[in-house]
Structure formats: structure tokens, C-alpha cells
Amino acid sequence: MAKERTLSIIKPDAVEKNHAGKIIDHLIGAGFAIKAMKQVHLSKSVAEGFYAVHAARPFFGELVEFMTRSPVIVMVLEAENAIQKYRDVIGATDPAQAADGTIRKLYGASKGENAMHGSDAVETAVAEISYFFAGSEVQPKALSPTWVAGESSRRAARCGVESAACGICRPCSAAPRSAAARSTPCSPTCASRRRACPTRARGSPST
């Protein structure tokens, strides 16, 4: 079973009640490794951006107000099958319906103030981790050999789209870089991709 990473947030209600330490101990005891952690006080704009998927729902304003009420603790957790494992450990959204011994059953007060947030899918986890943590703080995903190989192929494919036009991302393109391509300025899109591309040629001209 492959290792995954998930974003975990200890919400304002649990932080206010001084449950954060017990929750962190609970997560470690359940087999999660903490790969990054920080305490932040979310601004209104940051909370709205993070929960943008719920913007049209009637509870959105109340959710943003709650998440900005006081500090939260944001963590990147790693474990085998971390997404589902984390959901099992924290329990159902409504603490009243959560299984005994789960974090929300122990520390959540209501469906609106339920102590924890967690990613619901691998793709969601990648986006959520990147929202709170820079690449220098934590890798965006658990680096299994299979994932590394797959991600390299995906990045090369994306970069190669632009390299066909400007030839800058030489290692990402199957075709050699022509003289005409070398003299063609990069488009903004290509320039952005070239800076992000981990396989680009060192010393490639900047735009």
C-alpha cells in the first residue's frame, strides 16, 4: 500500500479549548508522521480562498467567520493510505454520529465546530498542502518511486507543449532545439513552465 500525504487542520474550537496537544498525540499514536506543521491565524481572504468550493452554499459565511475566529494548526501528515486512514481517525463530520474514540467524538462540539479538517482525496490533498505550504517547507506529495517517475513524465509532457513553440525546454522535448527556436522569445506561459520544470537545461537563456 502506497504512502500518501494529507492536509490536517486543527480548527479554532479545538485550539481554543487547548485540545491541540492531545489531538497531535492521537494522530502520532495512530501512525501518522508529521512532515510539516505551523500555527496560523487565517485572514478572511485566505479562508475564503481555501473554502472557495463551498462559496455558493448557505453556510459559507458562517464557515469563514468560524475559521478566522482564532488560530488554527495546519499539518502535513504522511502514512500508508493516509487519506482514508485520516478520515477514519477523525470520525464523521457530525461528532454526534462519529464512532467512539475518534477525534471528533472526543473533541468536537457540533457539525459546525467539529475540531478537524482533512483532505478528502489525493488530488485535493496536493492542492490543499500547496495552499498552505511552500515547496521549501514540504514536498507537495509523498515521494514514492512510482510517483516520482509518473510526475516526471507528466511535467515533461506539460513542458513539451511549450518547448515545441520556443525550444527552451530542451530536455522536455524529443526534438533538438533549432537555431530558429533558440532565437524565438518564450511566451509568458512557456517562461513560467520553464522556471517550474525540474528537467530544464541548466543555463538556458532567461526571458
N, C-alpha and C. Protein backbone atom coordinates (compact mmCIF):
# COMPACT_ATOMS: atom_id res chain seq x y z
N MET A 1 0.84 -1.19 0.00
CA MET A 1 0.00 0.00 0.00
C MET A 1 0.89 1.25 0.00
N ALA A 2 0.59 2.19 -0.88
CA ALA A 2 1.45 3.37 -1.06
C ALA A 2 1.24 4.39 0.05
N LYS A 3 2.32 5.08 0.36
CA LYS A 3 2.21 6.18 1.31
C LYS A 3 1.59 7.39 0.63
N GLU A 4 0.77 8.10 1.37
CA GLU A 4 0.13 9.32 0.90
C GLU A 4 0.33 10.41 1.92
N ARG A 5 0.05 11.63 1.50
CA ARG A 5 0.04 12.76 2.43
C ARG A 5 -1.32 13.43 2.40
N THR A 6 -1.71 13.95 3.54
CA THR A 6 -2.98 14.65 3.66
C THR A 6 -2.79 15.92 4.45
N LEU A 7 -3.61 16.91 4.17
CA LEU A 7 -3.59 18.14 4.98
C LEU A 7 -4.51 17.94 6.17
N SER A 8 -4.03 18.35 7.32
CA SER A 8 -4.82 18.30 8.55
C SER A 8 -4.88 19.70 9.14
N ILE A 9 -6.06 20.11 9.54
CA ILE A 9 -6.21 21.40 10.24
C ILE A 9 -6.91 21.14 11.57
N ILE A 10 -6.27 21.57 12.64
CA ILE A 10 -6.95 21.60 13.94
C ILE A 10 -7.65 22.95 14.00
N LYS A 11 -8.96 22.90 14.04
CA LYS A 11 -9.77 24.11 13.87
C LYS A 11 -9.80 24.98 15.13
N PRO A 12 -10.30 26.22 14.98
CA PRO A 12 -10.28 27.16 16.10
C PRO A 12 -10.91 26.64 17.39
N ASP A 13 -12.02 25.89 17.29
CA ASP A 13 -12.68 25.43 18.51
C ASP A 13 -11.78 24.53 19.33
N ALA A 14 -11.04 23.64 18.67
CA ALA A 14 -10.16 22.72 19.40
C ALA A 14 -8.93 23.45 19.94
N VAL A 15 -8.42 24.42 19.19
CA VAL A 15 -7.27 25.20 19.66
C VAL A 15 -7.67 26.04 20.88
N GLU A 16 -8.82 26.66 20.81
CA GLU A 16 -9.31 27.49 21.92
C GLU A 16 -9.48 26.69 23.21
N LYS A 17 -9.86 25.45 23.07
CA LYS A 17 -10.09 24.59 24.24
C LYS A 17 -8.84 23.84 24.69
N ASN A 18 -7.69 24.19 24.09
CA ASN A 18 -6.40 23.58 24.45
C ASN A 18 -6.37 22.07 24.20
N HIS A 19 -7.05 21.64 23.13
CA HIS A 19 -7.04 20.22 22.78
C HIS A 19 -5.96 19.87 21.75
N ALA A 20 -5.25 20.88 21.24
CA ALA A 20 -4.32 20.64 20.13
C ALA A 20 -3.26 19.59 20.48
N GLY A 21 -2.67 19.68 21.65
CA GLY A 21 -1.63 18.73 22.04
C GLY A 21 -2.15 17.31 22.08
N LYS A 22 -3.33 17.13 22.64
CA LYS A 22 -3.90 15.79 22.73
C LYS A 22 -4.25 15.25 21.34
N ILE A 23 -4.70 16.14 20.46
CA ILE A 23 -5.04 15.73 19.10
C ILE A 23 -3.79 15.31 18.35
N ILE A 24 -2.72 16.08 18.47
CA ILE A 24 -1.46 15.73 17.81
C ILE A 24 -0.94 14.38 18.32
N ASP A 25 -0.99 14.16 19.63
CA ASP A 25 -0.58 12.87 20.19
C ASP A 25 -1.43 11.73 19.63
N HIS A 26 -2.73 11.99 19.48
CA HIS A 26 -3.65 10.99 18.95
C HIS A 26 -3.25 10.62 17.52
N LEU A 27 -2.94 11.62 16.71
CA LEU A 27 -2.57 11.37 15.32
C LEU A 27 -1.25 10.60 15.22
N ILE A 28 -0.28 10.99 16.03
CA ILE A 28 1.00 10.26 16.02
C ILE A 28 0.80 8.82 16.48
N GLY A 29 -0.01 8.65 17.52
CA GLY A 29 -0.30 7.31 18.01
C GLY A 29 -1.02 6.44 16.99
N ALA A 30 -1.76 7.09 16.10
CA ALA A 30 -2.47 6.35 15.05
C ALA A 30 -1.57 5.99 13.88
N GLY A 31 -0.31 6.45 13.91
CA GLY A 31 0.64 6.06 12.88
C GLY A 31 0.98 7.11 11.85
N PHE A 32 0.55 8.35 12.07
CA PHE A 32 0.88 9.41 11.12
C PHE A 32 2.23 10.04 11.47
N ALA A 33 2.99 10.38 10.44
CA ALA A 33 4.23 11.14 10.60
C ALA A 33 3.95 12.59 10.21
N ILE A 34 4.35 13.53 11.05
CA ILE A 34 4.15 14.94 10.76
C ILE A 34 5.30 15.43 9.89
N LYS A 35 4.99 15.85 8.67
CA LYS A 35 6.00 16.31 7.72
C LYS A 35 6.13 17.83 7.68
N ALA A 36 5.14 18.53 8.18
CA ALA A 36 5.20 19.99 8.29
C ALA A 36 4.09 20.41 9.24
N MET A 37 4.33 21.51 9.98
CA MET A 37 3.31 21.97 10.92
C MET A 37 3.55 23.44 11.23
N LYS A 38 2.47 24.21 11.33
CA LYS A 38 2.57 25.60 11.77
C LYS A 38 1.22 26.07 12.28
N GLN A 39 1.28 27.08 13.14
CA GLN A 39 0.07 27.72 13.64
C GLN A 39 -0.11 29.03 12.89
N VAL A 40 -1.31 29.25 12.37
CA VAL A 40 -1.61 30.47 11.62
C VAL A 40 -2.98 30.98 12.03
N HIS A 41 -3.16 32.28 11.89
CA HIS A 41 -4.47 32.90 12.09
C HIS A 41 -4.96 33.31 10.71
N LEU A 42 -5.92 32.59 10.17
CA LEU A 42 -6.37 32.81 8.80
C LEU A 42 -7.05 34.17 8.65
N SER A 43 -6.70 34.87 7.59
CA SER A 43 -7.42 36.08 7.24
C SER A 43 -8.71 35.69 6.52
N LYS A 44 -9.60 36.64 6.36
CA LYS A 44 -10.86 36.37 5.68
C LYS A 44 -10.61 35.93 4.24
N SER A 45 -9.69 36.60 3.55
CA SER A 45 -9.43 36.25 2.16
C SER A 45 -8.80 34.87 2.03
N VAL A 46 -7.91 34.50 2.96
CA VAL A 46 -7.28 33.18 2.91
C VAL A 46 -8.32 32.09 3.17
N ALA A 47 -9.19 32.29 4.14
CA ALA A 47 -10.23 31.31 4.43
C ALA A 47 -11.20 31.18 3.27
N GLU A 48 -11.58 32.31 2.68
CA GLU A 48 -12.50 32.27 1.53
C GLU A 48 -11.86 31.54 0.36
N GLY A 49 -10.57 31.75 0.13
CA GLY A 49 -9.90 31.05 -0.95
C GLY A 49 -9.82 29.56 -0.71
N PHE A 50 -9.52 29.18 0.52
CA PHE A 50 -9.39 27.77 0.84
C PHE A 50 -10.72 27.03 0.70
N TYR A 51 -11.79 27.67 1.11
CA TYR A 51 -13.11 27.04 1.06
C TYR A 51 -13.94 27.51 -0.13
N ALA A 52 -13.28 27.98 -1.18
CA ALA A 52 -13.98 28.53 -2.34
C ALA A 52 -14.97 27.55 -2.96
N VAL A 53 -14.69 26.26 -2.85
CA VAL A 53 -15.59 25.25 -3.41
C VAL A 53 -16.97 25.31 -2.77
N HIS A 54 -17.05 25.87 -1.55
CA HIS A 54 -18.33 25.97 -0.85
C HIS A 54 -18.96 27.37 -0.95
N ALA A 55 -18.41 28.23 -1.81
CA ALA A 55 -18.82 29.64 -1.84
C ALA A 55 -20.31 29.84 -2.08
N ALA A 56 -20.94 28.96 -2.83
CA ALA A 56 -22.35 29.12 -3.16
C ALA A 56 -23.28 28.52 -2.11
N ARG A 57 -22.73 27.89 -1.11
CA ARG A 57 -23.57 27.23 -0.11
C ARG A 57 -23.97 28.20 1.01
N PRO A 58 -25.12 27.97 1.59
CA PRO A 58 -25.61 28.93 2.59
C PRO A 58 -24.76 29.04 3.84
N PHE A 59 -23.97 28.04 4.15
CA PHE A 59 -23.16 28.07 5.37
C PHE A 59 -21.78 28.70 5.15
N PHE A 60 -21.50 29.16 3.93
CA PHE A 60 -20.15 29.64 3.61
C PHE A 60 -19.71 30.80 4.51
N GLY A 61 -20.56 31.79 4.68
CA GLY A 61 -20.20 32.94 5.50
C GLY A 61 -19.91 32.55 6.94
N GLU A 62 -20.73 31.68 7.48
CA GLU A 62 -20.54 31.20 8.84
C GLU A 62 -19.25 30.40 8.97
N LEU A 63 -18.95 29.60 7.94
CA LEU A 63 -17.72 28.80 7.95
C LEU A 63 -16.48 29.69 7.96
N VAL A 64 -16.49 30.71 7.11
CA VAL A 64 -15.35 31.63 7.04
C VAL A 64 -15.19 32.38 8.36
N GLU A 65 -16.29 32.82 8.92
CA GLU A 65 -16.24 33.53 10.20
C GLU A 65 -15.65 32.63 11.30
N PHE A 66 -16.06 31.38 11.31
CA PHE A 66 -15.55 30.44 12.30
C PHE A 66 -14.06 30.18 12.13
N MET A 67 -13.63 29.94 10.88
CA MET A 67 -12.23 29.59 10.63
C MET A 67 -11.27 30.76 10.84
N THR A 68 -11.80 31.97 10.87
CA THR A 68 -10.95 33.16 11.11
C THR A 68 -11.09 33.67 12.54
N ARG A 69 -11.82 32.97 13.35
CA ARG A 69 -12.11 33.43 14.73
C ARG A 69 -10.87 33.44 15.62
N SER A 70 -10.03 32.47 15.45
CA SER A 70 -8.81 32.36 16.25
C SER A 70 -7.84 31.44 15.49
N PRO A 71 -6.62 31.27 15.97
CA PRO A 71 -5.63 30.50 15.22
C PRO A 71 -6.02 29.04 14.99
N VAL A 72 -5.43 28.47 13.95
CA VAL A 72 -5.57 27.05 13.63
C VAL A 72 -4.17 26.46 13.54
N ILE A 73 -4.08 25.14 13.60
CA ILE A 73 -2.81 24.45 13.41
C ILE A 73 -2.93 23.61 12.14
N VAL A 74 -2.03 23.90 11.21
CA VAL A 74 -2.06 23.24 9.91
C VAL A 74 -0.90 22.25 9.84
N MET A 75 -1.18 21.04 9.41
CA MET A 75 -0.15 20.00 9.35
C MET A 75 -0.22 19.22 8.04
N VAL A 76 0.93 18.72 7.65
CA VAL A 76 1.00 17.73 6.58
C VAL A 76 1.33 16.40 7.23
N LEU A 77 0.45 15.44 7.05
CA LEU A 77 0.61 14.13 7.66
C LEU A 77 0.87 13.08 6.60
N GLU A 78 1.70 12.12 6.93
CA GLU A 78 2.03 11.05 5.99
C GLU A 78 1.80 9.69 6.64
N ALA A 79 1.23 8.80 5.86
CA ALA A 79 1.02 7.41 6.31
C ALA A 79 0.60 6.59 5.10
N GLU A 80 0.61 5.29 5.24
CA GLU A 80 0.05 4.45 4.18
C GLU A 80 -1.45 4.68 4.12
N ASN A 81 -1.95 4.89 2.90
CA ASN A 81 -3.38 5.14 2.69
C ASN A 81 -3.86 6.30 3.58
N ALA A 82 -3.08 7.37 3.62
CA ALA A 82 -3.30 8.45 4.59
C ALA A 82 -4.66 9.11 4.47
N ILE A 83 -5.18 9.27 3.26
CA ILE A 83 -6.45 9.98 3.08
C ILE A 83 -7.58 9.27 3.84
N GLN A 84 -7.77 7.99 3.54
CA GLN A 84 -8.84 7.26 4.20
C GLN A 84 -8.54 7.02 5.67
N LYS A 85 -7.29 6.73 5.98
CA LYS A 85 -6.89 6.48 7.37
C LYS A 85 -7.21 7.70 8.24
N TYR A 86 -6.89 8.89 7.73
CA TYR A 86 -7.16 10.12 8.48
C TYR A 86 -8.66 10.31 8.69
N ARG A 87 -9.44 10.07 7.64
CA ARG A 87 -10.90 10.21 7.77
C ARG A 87 -11.44 9.25 8.83
N ASP A 88 -10.89 8.06 8.88
CA ASP A 88 -11.32 7.09 9.89
C ASP A 88 -10.93 7.53 11.30
N VAL A 89 -9.75 8.11 11.43
CA VAL A 89 -9.26 8.52 12.74
C VAL A 89 -10.01 9.73 13.29
N ILE A 90 -10.36 10.68 12.42
CA ILE A 90 -11.06 11.88 12.93
C ILE A 90 -12.56 11.63 13.11
N GLY A 91 -13.14 10.74 12.34
CA GLY A 91 -14.55 10.42 12.51
C GLY A 91 -15.48 11.23 11.61
N ALA A 92 -16.76 10.97 11.73
CA ALA A 92 -17.78 11.61 10.90
C ALA A 92 -17.82 13.11 11.12
N THR A 93 -18.31 13.84 10.10
CA THR A 93 -18.40 15.30 10.17
C THR A 93 -19.17 15.76 11.39
N ASP A 94 -20.27 15.09 11.68
CA ASP A 94 -21.08 15.41 12.86
C ASP A 94 -20.56 14.58 14.04
N PRO A 95 -20.00 15.23 15.05
CA PRO A 95 -19.46 14.48 16.19
C PRO A 95 -20.46 13.53 16.83
N ALA A 96 -21.74 13.89 16.76
CA ALA A 96 -22.76 13.02 17.35
C ALA A 96 -22.86 11.69 16.61
N GLN A 97 -22.46 11.69 15.33
CA GLN A 97 -22.52 10.47 14.54
C GLN A 97 -21.16 9.77 14.45
N ALA A 98 -20.13 10.38 15.01
CA ALA A 98 -18.78 9.81 14.91
C ALA A 98 -18.62 8.60 15.83
N ALA A 99 -17.76 7.70 15.41
CA ALA A 99 -17.51 6.49 16.20
C ALA A 99 -16.77 6.84 17.49
N ASP A 100 -17.01 6.04 18.52
CA ASP A 100 -16.32 6.24 19.80
C ASP A 100 -14.81 6.15 19.60
N GLY A 101 -14.09 7.05 20.26
CA GLY A 101 -12.64 7.04 20.19
C GLY A 101 -12.06 7.87 19.07
N THR A 102 -12.90 8.35 18.14
CA THR A 102 -12.40 9.21 17.07
C THR A 102 -12.20 10.63 17.60
N ILE A 103 -11.39 11.40 16.91
CA ILE A 103 -11.05 12.75 17.38
C ILE A 103 -12.28 13.64 17.48
N ARG A 104 -13.13 13.60 16.48
CA ARG A 104 -14.33 14.45 16.52
C ARG A 104 -15.28 14.02 17.63
N LYS A 105 -15.37 12.74 17.91
CA LYS A 105 -16.21 12.28 19.01
C LYS A 105 -15.67 12.78 20.34
N LEU A 106 -14.34 12.79 20.46
CA LEU A 106 -13.70 13.20 21.71
C LEU A 106 -13.69 14.72 21.90
N TYR A 107 -13.46 15.46 20.79
CA TYR A 107 -13.19 16.89 20.95
C TYR A 107 -14.11 17.81 20.15
N GLY A 108 -14.96 17.27 19.28
CA GLY A 108 -15.87 18.11 18.51
C GLY A 108 -17.13 18.42 19.29
N ALA A 109 -17.68 19.60 19.03
CA ALA A 109 -18.89 20.02 19.76
C ALA A 109 -20.15 19.91 18.90
N SER A 110 -20.01 20.14 17.61
CA SER A 110 -21.17 20.14 16.72
C SER A 110 -20.69 19.95 15.29
N LYS A 111 -21.63 19.86 14.36
CA LYS A 111 -21.27 19.70 12.96
C LYS A 111 -20.51 20.92 12.45
N GLY A 112 -20.85 22.10 12.97
CA GLY A 112 -20.18 23.32 12.56
C GLY A 112 -18.84 23.52 13.23
N GLU A 113 -18.71 23.04 14.47
CA GLU A 113 -17.45 23.17 15.22
C GLU A 113 -16.99 21.76 15.60
N ASN A 114 -16.37 21.11 14.62
CA ASN A 114 -16.07 19.68 14.78
C ASN A 114 -14.57 19.38 14.89
N ALA A 115 -13.78 20.38 15.26
CA ALA A 115 -12.38 20.22 15.66
C ALA A 115 -11.37 20.03 14.53
N MET A 116 -11.74 19.35 13.43
CA MET A 116 -10.74 18.96 12.44
C MET A 116 -11.20 19.18 11.00
N HIS A 117 -10.21 19.42 10.15
CA HIS A 117 -10.41 19.38 8.70
C HIS A 117 -9.42 18.38 8.13
N GLY A 118 -9.82 17.68 7.08
CA GLY A 118 -8.91 16.77 6.40
C GLY A 118 -9.22 16.68 4.92
N SER A 119 -8.21 16.43 4.11
CA SER A 119 -8.40 16.28 2.67
C SER A 119 -9.25 15.05 2.38
N ASP A 120 -10.07 15.15 1.32
CA ASP A 120 -10.97 14.03 1.01
C ASP A 120 -10.51 13.19 -0.17
N ALA A 121 -9.40 13.56 -0.80
CA ALA A 121 -8.87 12.79 -1.93
C ALA A 121 -7.40 13.15 -2.12
N VAL A 122 -6.68 12.29 -2.83
CA VAL A 122 -5.26 12.55 -3.06
C VAL A 122 -5.06 13.86 -3.82
N GLU A 123 -5.88 14.09 -4.84
CA GLU A 123 -5.75 15.32 -5.63
C GLU A 123 -6.06 16.55 -4.78
N THR A 124 -7.06 16.45 -3.93
CA THR A 124 -7.41 17.55 -3.03
C THR A 124 -6.27 17.83 -2.07
N ALA A 125 -5.64 16.77 -1.57
CA ALA A 125 -4.54 16.93 -0.63
C ALA A 125 -3.39 17.71 -1.25
N VAL A 126 -3.05 17.40 -2.49
CA VAL A 126 -1.97 18.10 -3.18
C VAL A 126 -2.27 19.59 -3.24
N ALA A 127 -3.50 19.94 -3.63
CA ALA A 127 -3.88 21.35 -3.74
C ALA A 127 -3.90 22.03 -2.38
N GLU A 128 -4.44 21.35 -1.37
CA GLU A 128 -4.55 21.95 -0.04
C GLU A 128 -3.19 22.13 0.62
N ILE A 129 -2.31 21.17 0.47
CA ILE A 129 -0.97 21.30 1.04
C ILE A 129 -0.24 22.47 0.39
N SER A 130 -0.35 22.58 -0.92
CA SER A 130 0.30 23.68 -1.63
C SER A 130 -0.28 25.03 -1.24
N TYR A 131 -1.54 25.04 -0.83
CA TYR A 131 -2.19 26.30 -0.44
C TYR A 131 -1.54 26.88 0.82
N PHE A 132 -1.12 26.02 1.71
CA PHE A 132 -0.58 26.48 2.99
C PHE A 132 0.94 26.39 3.11
N PHE A 133 1.57 25.52 2.33
CA PHE A 133 3.00 25.28 2.50
C PHE A 133 3.74 25.50 1.19
N ALA A 134 4.82 26.28 1.24
CA ALA A 134 5.69 26.45 0.09
C ALA A 134 6.50 25.18 -0.13
N GLY A 135 7.01 25.03 -1.34
CA GLY A 135 7.80 23.85 -1.66
C GLY A 135 9.02 23.69 -0.78
N SER A 136 9.55 24.82 -0.29
CA SER A 136 10.72 24.75 0.59
C SER A 136 10.38 24.24 1.98
N GLU A 137 9.10 24.23 2.32
CA GLU A 137 8.68 23.76 3.63
C GLU A 137 8.33 22.28 3.63
N VAL A 138 7.77 21.80 2.53
CA VAL A 138 7.38 20.39 2.44
C VAL A 138 7.13 20.06 0.97
N GLN A 139 7.47 18.84 0.58
CA GLN A 139 7.15 18.40 -0.76
C GLN A 139 5.64 18.32 -0.91
N PRO A 140 5.10 18.60 -2.12
CA PRO A 140 3.64 18.61 -2.27
C PRO A 140 2.99 17.25 -2.20
N LYS A 141 3.81 16.17 -2.26
CA LYS A 141 3.22 14.84 -2.22
C LYS A 141 4.28 13.85 -1.76
N ALA A 142 3.84 12.74 -1.15
CA ALA A 142 4.78 11.71 -0.74
C ALA A 142 5.57 11.21 -1.94
N LEU A 143 6.89 11.13 -1.79
CA LEU A 143 7.74 10.83 -2.93
C LEU A 143 8.07 9.34 -3.03
N SER A 144 7.08 8.56 -3.40
CA SER A 144 7.35 7.15 -3.68
C SER A 144 8.01 7.06 -5.05
N PRO A 145 8.80 6.01 -5.32
CA PRO A 145 9.44 5.87 -6.63
C PRO A 145 8.45 5.91 -7.78
N THR A 146 7.29 5.30 -7.59
CA THR A 146 6.28 5.29 -8.64
C THR A 146 5.78 6.68 -8.92
N TRP A 147 5.53 7.45 -7.84
CA TRP A 147 5.04 8.83 -8.02
C TRP A 147 6.09 9.69 -8.70
N VAL A 148 7.35 9.55 -8.29
CA VAL A 148 8.42 10.36 -8.89
C VAL A 148 8.48 10.12 -10.39
N ALA A 149 8.45 8.85 -10.82
CA ALA A 149 8.51 8.54 -12.24
C ALA A 149 7.30 9.11 -12.98
N GLY A 150 6.13 8.96 -12.38
CA GLY A 150 4.91 9.47 -13.02
C GLY A 150 4.90 10.98 -13.10
N GLU A 151 5.32 11.66 -12.03
CA GLU A 151 5.33 13.11 -12.03
C GLU A 151 6.33 13.66 -13.03
N SER A 152 7.49 13.02 -13.15
CA SER A 152 8.48 13.47 -14.13
C SER A 152 7.92 13.39 -15.53
N SER A 153 7.20 12.32 -15.83
CA SER A 153 6.59 12.17 -17.15
C SER A 153 5.53 13.22 -17.39
N ARG A 154 4.70 13.50 -16.35
CA ARG A 154 3.64 14.49 -16.51
C ARG A 154 4.22 15.88 -16.73
N ARG A 155 5.27 16.23 -15.96
CA ARG A 155 5.87 17.55 -16.11
C ARG A 155 6.54 17.69 -17.48
N ALA A 156 7.20 16.63 -17.93
CA ALA A 156 7.84 16.67 -19.22
C ALA A 156 6.81 16.86 -20.33
N ALA A 157 5.67 16.19 -20.20
CA ALA A 157 4.62 16.33 -21.21
C ALA A 157 4.08 17.75 -21.24
N ARG A 158 3.84 18.32 -20.05
CA ARG A 158 3.33 19.70 -19.99
C ARG A 158 4.35 20.66 -20.56
N CYS A 159 5.61 20.50 -20.17
CA CYS A 159 6.66 21.40 -20.61
C CYS A 159 6.89 21.27 -22.11
N GLY A 160 6.75 20.05 -22.62
CA GLY A 160 6.99 19.82 -24.03
C GLY A 160 6.04 20.55 -24.94
N VAL A 161 4.83 20.86 -24.44
CA VAL A 161 3.87 21.61 -25.25
C VAL A 161 4.46 22.97 -25.61
N GLU A 162 5.06 23.64 -24.61
CA GLU A 162 5.65 24.94 -24.88
C GLU A 162 6.98 24.81 -25.61
N SER A 163 7.74 23.74 -25.33
CA SER A 163 9.05 23.61 -25.97
C SER A 163 8.92 23.47 -27.48
N ALA A 164 7.79 22.95 -27.95
CA ALA A 164 7.59 22.83 -29.38
C ALA A 164 7.51 24.21 -30.03
N ALA A 165 7.06 25.21 -29.26
CA ALA A 165 6.93 26.56 -29.79
C ALA A 165 8.22 27.35 -29.66
N CYS A 166 8.91 27.24 -28.53
CA CYS A 166 10.07 28.10 -28.33
C CYS A 166 11.37 27.34 -28.18
N GLY A 167 11.33 26.04 -27.93
CA GLY A 167 12.55 25.25 -27.88
C GLY A 167 13.39 25.44 -26.64
N ILE A 168 12.89 26.19 -25.65
CA ILE A 168 13.71 26.47 -24.48
C ILE A 168 13.86 25.23 -23.61
N CYS A 169 12.75 24.51 -23.40
CA CYS A 169 12.78 23.36 -22.50
C CYS A 169 13.33 22.15 -23.23
N ARG A 170 14.58 22.22 -23.62
CA ARG A 170 15.17 21.20 -24.48
C ARG A 170 15.04 19.79 -23.92
N PRO A 171 15.33 19.53 -22.61
CA PRO A 171 15.25 18.15 -22.12
C PRO A 171 13.84 17.60 -22.12
N CYS A 172 12.83 18.49 -22.18
CA CYS A 172 11.45 18.02 -22.16
C CYS A 172 10.94 17.70 -23.56
N SER A 173 11.70 18.06 -24.57
CA SER A 173 11.24 17.89 -25.94
C SER A 173 12.02 16.78 -26.63
N ALA A 174 11.33 16.01 -27.44
CA ALA A 174 12.01 14.95 -28.17
C ALA A 174 12.85 15.51 -29.31
N ALA A 175 12.47 16.68 -29.83
CA ALA A 175 13.16 17.26 -30.98
C ALA A 175 14.31 18.14 -30.53
N PRO A 176 15.42 18.13 -31.24
CA PRO A 176 16.52 19.03 -30.89
C PRO A 176 16.12 20.48 -31.12
N ARG A 177 16.75 21.37 -30.39
CA ARG A 177 16.42 22.79 -30.47
C ARG A 177 17.09 23.40 -31.69
N SER A 178 16.30 23.98 -32.55
CA SER A 178 16.84 24.57 -33.77
C SER A 178 17.35 25.98 -33.52
N ALA A 179 18.12 26.52 -34.47
CA ALA A 179 18.61 27.89 -34.35
C ALA A 179 17.45 28.87 -34.34
N ALA A 180 16.45 28.60 -35.19
CA ALA A 180 15.29 29.49 -35.22
C ALA A 180 14.56 29.46 -33.89
N ALA A 181 14.44 28.28 -33.28
CA ALA A 181 13.75 28.16 -31.99
C ALA A 181 14.51 28.90 -30.91
N ARG A 182 15.87 28.80 -30.97
CA ARG A 182 16.67 29.47 -29.95
C ARG A 182 16.50 30.98 -29.99
N SER A 183 16.20 31.52 -31.18
CA SER A 183 16.07 32.97 -31.32
C SER A 183 14.66 33.46 -31.05
N THR A 184 13.71 32.53 -30.84
CA THR A 184 12.32 32.91 -30.61
C THR A 184 12.07 33.13 -29.13
N PRO A 185 11.58 34.31 -28.74
CA PRO A 185 11.33 34.56 -27.32
C PRO A 185 10.26 33.62 -26.77
N CYS A 186 10.39 33.31 -25.50
CA CYS A 186 9.39 32.48 -24.84
C CYS A 186 8.11 33.27 -24.66
N SER A 187 6.98 32.56 -24.74
CA SER A 187 5.72 33.15 -24.33
C SER A 187 5.68 33.19 -22.82
N PRO A 188 4.82 34.03 -22.21
CA PRO A 188 4.72 34.05 -20.75
C PRO A 188 4.41 32.68 -20.17
N THR A 189 3.55 31.93 -20.85
CA THR A 189 3.20 30.60 -20.34
C THR A 189 4.42 29.70 -20.33
N CYS A 190 5.17 29.74 -21.43
CA CYS A 190 6.35 28.89 -21.52
C CYS A 190 7.39 29.31 -20.49
N ALA A 191 7.56 30.61 -20.32
CA ALA A 191 8.55 31.08 -19.35
C ALA A 191 8.22 30.59 -17.96
N SER A 192 6.93 30.61 -17.62
CA SER A 192 6.50 30.14 -16.30
C SER A 192 6.76 28.66 -16.16
N ARG A 193 6.42 27.89 -17.20
CA ARG A 193 6.63 26.46 -17.14
C ARG A 193 8.12 26.13 -17.09
N ARG A 194 8.93 26.91 -17.85
CA ARG A 194 10.35 26.63 -17.88
C ARG A 194 10.98 26.81 -16.51
N ARG A 195 10.52 27.85 -15.79
CA ARG A 195 11.06 28.06 -14.46
C ARG A 195 10.67 26.93 -13.52
N ALA A 196 9.48 26.36 -13.72
CA ALA A 196 9.00 25.30 -12.83
C ALA A 196 9.51 23.92 -13.22
N CYS A 197 9.91 23.76 -14.48
CA CYS A 197 10.27 22.44 -14.99
C CYS A 197 11.56 21.94 -14.35
N PRO A 198 11.53 20.80 -13.64
CA PRO A 198 12.72 20.29 -12.95
C PRO A 198 13.74 19.68 -13.90
N THR A 199 13.35 19.44 -15.17
CA THR A 199 14.27 18.79 -16.10
C THR A 199 14.83 19.75 -17.13
N ARG A 200 14.60 21.06 -16.98
CA ARG A 200 15.08 22.00 -17.98
C ARG A 200 16.62 22.06 -17.97
N ALA A 201 17.17 22.46 -19.07
CA ALA A 201 18.62 22.56 -19.18
C ALA A 201 19.15 23.68 -18.29
N ARG A 202 20.18 23.41 -17.53
CA ARG A 202 20.79 24.45 -16.71
C ARG A 202 21.48 25.44 -17.64
N GLY A 203 21.35 26.70 -17.29
CA GLY A 203 21.98 27.71 -18.10
C GLY A 203 21.16 28.10 -19.31
N SER A 204 19.90 27.64 -19.41
CA SER A 204 19.04 28.04 -20.51
C SER A 204 18.81 29.53 -20.44
N PRO A 205 18.67 30.21 -21.56
CA PRO A 205 18.50 31.66 -21.55
C PRO A 205 17.24 32.07 -20.85
N SER A 206 17.29 33.16 -20.14
CA SER A 206 16.11 33.66 -19.45
C SER A 206 15.37 34.63 -20.36
N THR A 207 14.14 34.92 -20.01
CA THR A 207 13.34 35.82 -20.83
C THR A 207 13.10 37.11 -20.08
